[in-house]
Amino acid sequence: MATAVFPQPHGGVIDGFRWAIIGGDVQLYSTGFALSLLLVVLLLISGIFYFRAPR
């Protein structure tokens, strides 16, 4: 299940929110969290270039 959730940028957010609500006994999937963080950064950078491009 973790491999299906974490290619999506929200996977790390959902896992982090679950960890914050439940507490320390939830294991964060660090590889998936890093992958989702990387995807969020790439989407942010591509959005900045797209919307700042001169028309």
N, C-alpha and C. Protein backbone atom coordinates (compact mmCIF):
# COMPACT_ATOMS: atom_id res chain seq x y z
N MET A 1 0.82 -1.19 0.00
CA MET A 1 0.00 0.00 0.00
C MET A 1 0.86 1.26 0.00
N ALA A 2 1.97 1.22 0.68
CA ALA A 2 2.82 2.42 0.77
C ALA A 2 3.37 2.81 -0.59
N THR A 3 3.66 1.85 -1.46
CA THR A 3 4.19 2.20 -2.77
C THR A 3 3.13 2.83 -3.65
N ALA A 4 1.85 2.56 -3.39
CA ALA A 4 0.78 3.17 -4.18
C ALA A 4 0.46 4.58 -3.69
N VAL A 5 0.69 4.87 -2.43
CA VAL A 5 0.32 6.16 -1.87
C VAL A 5 1.42 7.19 -2.07
N PHE A 6 2.66 6.84 -1.91
CA PHE A 6 3.71 7.84 -1.82
C PHE A 6 4.20 8.43 -3.13
N PRO A 7 3.92 7.88 -4.31
CA PRO A 7 4.25 8.66 -5.50
C PRO A 7 3.38 9.90 -5.64
N GLN A 8 2.28 9.97 -4.91
CA GLN A 8 1.43 11.16 -4.91
C GLN A 8 1.99 12.17 -3.91
N PRO A 9 1.97 13.44 -4.26
CA PRO A 9 2.56 14.43 -3.35
C PRO A 9 1.89 14.52 -1.99
N HIS A 10 0.64 14.12 -1.86
CA HIS A 10 -0.06 14.22 -0.59
C HIS A 10 0.22 13.05 0.35
N GLY A 11 0.89 12.03 -0.13
CA GLY A 11 1.16 10.86 0.71
C GLY A 11 1.95 11.18 1.96
N GLY A 12 2.98 11.97 1.80
CA GLY A 12 3.78 12.37 2.96
C GLY A 12 3.02 13.27 3.92
N VAL A 13 2.16 14.12 3.37
CA VAL A 13 1.36 15.00 4.21
C VAL A 13 0.38 14.18 5.04
N ILE A 14 -0.26 13.20 4.41
CA ILE A 14 -1.21 12.35 5.12
C ILE A 14 -0.51 11.54 6.20
N ASP A 15 0.65 10.99 5.88
CA ASP A 15 1.40 10.21 6.86
C ASP A 15 1.87 11.08 8.02
N GLY A 16 2.33 12.29 7.72
CA GLY A 16 2.76 13.20 8.77
C GLY A 16 1.60 13.66 9.65
N PHE A 17 0.43 13.88 9.05
CA PHE A 17 -0.74 14.26 9.82
C PHE A 17 -1.18 13.12 10.72
N ARG A 18 -1.15 11.90 10.18
CA ARG A 18 -1.50 10.72 10.98
C ARG A 18 -0.54 10.58 12.16
N TRP A 19 0.73 10.82 11.92
CA TRP A 19 1.73 10.74 12.98
C TRP A 19 1.47 11.81 14.05
N ALA A 20 1.08 13.02 13.61
CA ALA A 20 0.84 14.10 14.56
C ALA A 20 -0.41 13.83 15.41
N ILE A 21 -1.41 13.20 14.84
CA ILE A 21 -2.64 12.94 15.58
C ILE A 21 -2.49 11.75 16.53
N ILE A 22 -1.94 10.65 16.01
CA ILE A 22 -1.86 9.41 16.79
C ILE A 22 -0.71 9.45 17.79
N GLY A 23 0.40 10.00 17.39
CA GLY A 23 1.53 10.08 18.29
C GLY A 23 2.75 9.35 17.76
N GLY A 24 3.68 9.05 18.65
CA GLY A 24 4.96 8.49 18.27
C GLY A 24 4.98 7.04 17.86
N ASP A 25 3.87 6.31 18.04
CA ASP A 25 3.91 4.89 17.71
C ASP A 25 3.69 4.61 16.23
N VAL A 26 3.41 5.63 15.43
CA VAL A 26 3.23 5.46 13.99
C VAL A 26 4.59 5.61 13.33
N GLN A 27 4.96 4.66 12.51
CA GLN A 27 6.24 4.71 11.82
C GLN A 27 6.11 5.49 10.52
N LEU A 28 6.92 6.52 10.36
CA LEU A 28 6.93 7.28 9.12
C LEU A 28 7.73 6.49 8.08
N TYR A 29 7.21 6.40 6.90
CA TYR A 29 7.90 5.75 5.79
C TYR A 29 8.82 6.80 5.17
N SER A 30 10.08 6.83 5.62
CA SER A 30 10.98 7.94 5.29
C SER A 30 11.28 8.04 3.80
N THR A 31 11.38 6.92 3.09
CA THR A 31 11.63 6.97 1.65
C THR A 31 10.45 7.60 0.94
N GLY A 32 9.25 7.20 1.30
CA GLY A 32 8.06 7.78 0.69
C GLY A 32 7.88 9.23 1.05
N PHE A 33 8.21 9.59 2.27
CA PHE A 33 8.11 10.98 2.69
C PHE A 33 9.08 11.85 1.89
N ALA A 34 10.30 11.35 1.69
CA ALA A 34 11.28 12.09 0.91
C ALA A 34 10.85 12.20 -0.55
N LEU A 35 10.26 11.14 -1.09
CA LEU A 35 9.78 11.16 -2.47
C LEU A 35 8.65 12.16 -2.64
N SER A 36 7.71 12.18 -1.71
CA SER A 36 6.61 13.13 -1.82
C SER A 36 7.10 14.56 -1.63
N LEU A 37 8.07 14.77 -0.75
CA LEU A 37 8.65 16.10 -0.58
C LEU A 37 9.35 16.56 -1.85
N LEU A 38 10.06 15.66 -2.50
CA LEU A 38 10.72 15.98 -3.76
C LEU A 38 9.70 16.35 -4.84
N LEU A 39 8.60 15.60 -4.92
CA LEU A 39 7.57 15.90 -5.90
C LEU A 39 6.91 17.26 -5.63
N VAL A 40 6.70 17.58 -4.38
CA VAL A 40 6.11 18.88 -4.04
C VAL A 40 7.04 20.01 -4.44
N VAL A 41 8.33 19.84 -4.19
CA VAL A 41 9.30 20.88 -4.56
C VAL A 41 9.37 21.03 -6.07
N LEU A 42 9.36 19.92 -6.80
CA LEU A 42 9.39 19.99 -8.26
C LEU A 42 8.14 20.65 -8.81
N LEU A 43 6.99 20.35 -8.25
CA LEU A 43 5.76 21.01 -8.69
C LEU A 43 5.78 22.50 -8.37
N LEU A 44 6.32 22.87 -7.23
CA LEU A 44 6.43 24.28 -6.87
C LEU A 44 7.34 25.03 -7.84
N ILE A 45 8.49 24.45 -8.14
CA ILE A 45 9.43 25.11 -9.04
C ILE A 45 8.87 25.21 -10.45
N SER A 46 8.23 24.14 -10.93
CA SER A 46 7.66 24.19 -12.28
C SER A 46 6.50 25.19 -12.34
N GLY A 47 5.72 25.30 -11.27
CA GLY A 47 4.65 26.29 -11.23
C GLY A 47 5.17 27.71 -11.23
N ILE A 48 6.26 27.94 -10.51
CA ILE A 48 6.87 29.27 -10.50
C ILE A 48 7.35 29.65 -11.89
N PHE A 49 8.02 28.74 -12.58
CA PHE A 49 8.49 29.04 -13.93
C PHE A 49 7.33 29.22 -14.91
N TYR A 50 6.29 28.43 -14.76
CA TYR A 50 5.15 28.51 -15.69
C TYR A 50 4.40 29.83 -15.53
N PHE A 51 4.12 30.23 -14.29
CA PHE A 51 3.31 31.41 -14.09
C PHE A 51 4.10 32.71 -14.15
N ARG A 52 5.42 32.63 -14.06
CA ARG A 52 6.22 33.84 -14.20
C ARG A 52 6.72 34.04 -15.62
N ALA A 53 6.45 33.11 -16.50
CA ALA A 53 6.89 33.22 -17.89
C ALA A 53 6.15 34.38 -18.57
N PRO A 54 6.88 35.16 -19.34
CA PRO A 54 6.21 36.27 -20.04
C PRO A 54 5.25 35.74 -21.11
N ARG A 55 4.15 36.38 -21.22
CA ARG A 55 3.13 35.96 -22.20
C ARG A 55 3.28 36.74 -23.47
